[in-house]
C-alpha atoms as a PDB file:
ATOM      1  CA  MET A   1     -13.645  -1.269  -5.624  1.00  0.00           C
ATOM      2  CA  ILE A   2     -13.550  -4.130  -8.109  1.00  0.00           C
ATOM      3  CA  ARG A   3     -14.506  -7.591  -6.871  1.00  0.00           C
ATOM      4  CA  VAL A   4     -13.301 -10.441  -9.053  1.00  0.00           C
ATOM      5  CA  ASN A   5     -13.333 -14.211  -8.675  1.00  0.00           C
ATOM      6  CA  ILE A   6      -9.950 -15.912  -8.620  1.00  0.00           C
ATOM      7  CA  GLN A   7     -10.419 -17.757 -11.934  1.00  0.00           C
ATOM      8  CA  GLU A   8     -11.360 -14.507 -13.701  1.00  0.00           C
ATOM      9  CA  ALA A   9      -8.370 -12.744 -12.116  1.00  0.00           C
ATOM     10  CA  MET A  10      -6.016 -15.493 -13.294  1.00  0.00           C
ATOM     11  CA  THR A  11      -7.411 -15.334 -16.809  1.00  0.00           C
ATOM     12  CA  HIS A  12      -7.178 -11.536 -17.053  1.00  0.00           C
ATOM     13  CA  LEU A  13      -4.437 -10.718 -14.520  1.00  0.00           C
ATOM     14  CA  SER A  14      -2.924  -7.885 -16.557  1.00  0.00           C
ATOM     15  CA  ARG A  15      -6.341  -6.193 -16.768  1.00  0.00           C
ATOM     16  CA  TYR A  16      -6.743  -6.171 -12.981  1.00  0.00           C
ATOM     17  CA  LEU A  17      -3.142  -5.175 -12.341  1.00  0.00           C
ATOM     18  CA  GLY A  18      -3.725  -2.236 -14.681  1.00  0.00           C
ATOM     19  CA  ALA A  19      -6.862  -1.286 -12.742  1.00  0.00           C
ATOM     20  CA  ALA A  20      -4.925  -1.452  -9.463  1.00  0.00           C
ATOM     21  CA  GLU A  21      -2.142   0.688 -10.925  1.00  0.00           C
ATOM     22  CA  GLY A  22      -4.851   3.180 -11.911  1.00  0.00           C
ATOM     23  CA  GLY A  23      -5.926   3.439  -8.270  1.00  0.00           C
ATOM     24  CA  ALA A  24      -8.767   0.909  -8.088  1.00  0.00           C
ATOM     25  CA  ALA A  25      -8.826  -1.553  -5.201  1.00  0.00           C
ATOM     26  CA  VAL A  26      -9.205  -5.086  -6.576  1.00  0.00           C
ATOM     27  CA  VAL A  27     -10.593  -7.635  -4.107  1.00  0.00           C
ATOM     28  CA  LEU A  28     -10.066 -11.298  -4.966  1.00  0.00           C
ATOM     29  CA  CYS A  29     -13.095 -13.507  -4.259  1.00  0.00           C
ATOM     30  CA  ARG A  30     -13.866 -17.203  -4.178  1.00  0.00           C
ATOM     31  CA  HIS A  31     -17.452 -17.984  -5.195  1.00  0.00           C
ATOM     32  CA  ASN A  32     -18.260 -14.240  -5.008  1.00  0.00           C
ATOM     33  CA  LYS A  33     -17.055 -13.967  -1.379  1.00  0.00           C
ATOM     34  CA  PRO A  34     -13.913 -11.975  -0.515  1.00  0.00           C
ATOM     35  CA  VAL A  35     -10.913 -14.121   0.339  1.00  0.00           C
ATOM     36  CA  GLU A  36      -9.292 -12.893   3.544  1.00  0.00           C
ATOM     37  CA  GLU A  37      -9.497  -9.254   2.435  1.00  0.00           C
ATOM     38  CA  LEU A  38      -6.761  -9.950  -0.118  1.00  0.00           C
ATOM     39  CA  ARG A  39      -6.471  -6.792  -2.219  1.00  0.00           C
ATOM     40  CA  LEU A  40      -4.317  -5.665  -5.100  1.00  0.00           C
ATOM     41  CA  ILE A  41      -3.079  -2.215  -4.153  1.00  0.00           C
ATOM     42  CA  PRO A  42      -0.487  -0.369  -6.222  1.00  0.00           C
ATOM     43  CA  ILE A  43       2.810   0.496  -4.579  1.00  0.00           C
ATOM     44  CA  ALA A  44       3.518   4.101  -5.448  1.00  0.00           C
ATOM     45  CA  LEU A  45       7.177   4.775  -6.095  1.00  0.00           C
ATOM     46  CA  ALA A  46       8.740   7.937  -4.763  1.00  0.00           C
ATOM     47  CA  SER A  47      11.500   9.659  -6.693  1.00  0.00           C
ATOM     48  CA  ALA A  48      14.781   7.730  -6.756  1.00  0.00           C
ATOM     49  CA  GLY A  49      12.830   4.460  -6.911  1.00  0.00           C
ATOM     50  CA  THR A  50      12.236   4.133  -3.170  1.00  0.00           C
ATOM     51  CA  PRO A  51       9.008   2.240  -2.390  1.00  0.00           C
ATOM     52  CA  ARG A  52       6.405   4.328  -0.596  1.00  0.00           C
ATOM     53  CA  PHE A  53       4.049   2.331   1.584  1.00  0.00           C
ATOM     54  CA  GLU A  54       0.560   3.836   1.714  1.00  0.00           C
ATOM     55  CA  LEU A  55      -0.161   1.928   4.925  1.00  0.00           C
ATOM     56  CA  TRP A  56       1.596   4.698   6.858  1.00  0.00           C
ATOM     57  CA  ALA A  57      -0.148   7.594   5.087  1.00  0.00           C
ATOM     58  CA  GLY A  58      -1.553   9.910   7.741  1.00  0.00           C
ATOM     59  CA  PHE A  59       0.210   8.091  10.574  1.00  0.00           C
ATOM     60  CA  GLY A  60       1.791  10.350  13.150  1.00  0.00           C
ATOM     61  CA  VAL A  61       3.202  10.328  16.651  1.00  0.00           C
ATOM     62  CA  SER A  62       3.104  12.955  19.341  1.00  0.00           C
ATOM     63  CA  GLU A  63       6.108  15.150  20.047  1.00  0.00           C
ATOM     64  CA  SER A  64       6.526  13.448  23.449  1.00  0.00           C
ATOM     65  CA  PHE A  65       7.507  10.270  21.594  1.00  0.00           C
ATOM     66  CA  PHE A  66      10.801  11.926  20.677  1.00  0.00           C
ATOM     67  CA  GLU A  67      11.674  13.175  24.184  1.00  0.00           C
ATOM     68  CA  GLY A  68      15.162  12.039  25.105  1.00  0.00           C
ATOM     69  CA  VAL A  69      16.105  11.083  21.534  1.00  0.00           C
ATOM     70  CA  PRO A  70      19.261  12.912  20.386  1.00  0.00           C
ATOM     71  CA  GLY A  71      18.610  15.555  17.723  1.00  0.00           C
ATOM     72  CA  ASP A  72      21.183  14.116  15.322  1.00  0.00           C
ATOM     73  CA  LEU A  73      19.410  10.747  15.411  1.00  0.00           C
ATOM     74  CA  ILE A  74      16.071  12.372  14.584  1.00  0.00           C
ATOM     75  CA  GLN A  75      17.711  14.285  11.715  1.00  0.00           C
ATOM     76  CA  ALA A  76      19.222  11.066  10.376  1.00  0.00           C
ATOM     77  CA  PHE A  77      15.807   9.371  10.299  1.00  0.00           C
ATOM     78  CA  ASN A  78      14.365  12.413   8.521  1.00  0.00           C
ATOM     79  CA  GLY A  79      17.102  12.230   5.904  1.00  0.00           C
ATOM     80  CA  GLU A  80      18.692  15.498   6.928  1.00  0.00           C
END
């Protein structure tokens, strides 16, 4: 994780965006203290240019969640 003060980030924004694109978490700080957990996190793009949000990585629901939902609706959400 890279911690950087706001003034430094503004001066060298492309440097820190490049680090974030490379997978590093960049935390913006004010007077060396993190500002509201504001982080630069790259948005990975799936094929066809659809944004993929890492927030949901590893998220799952139990099978009982889908009880009573028509099969064609579930297939539509799964892109089938």
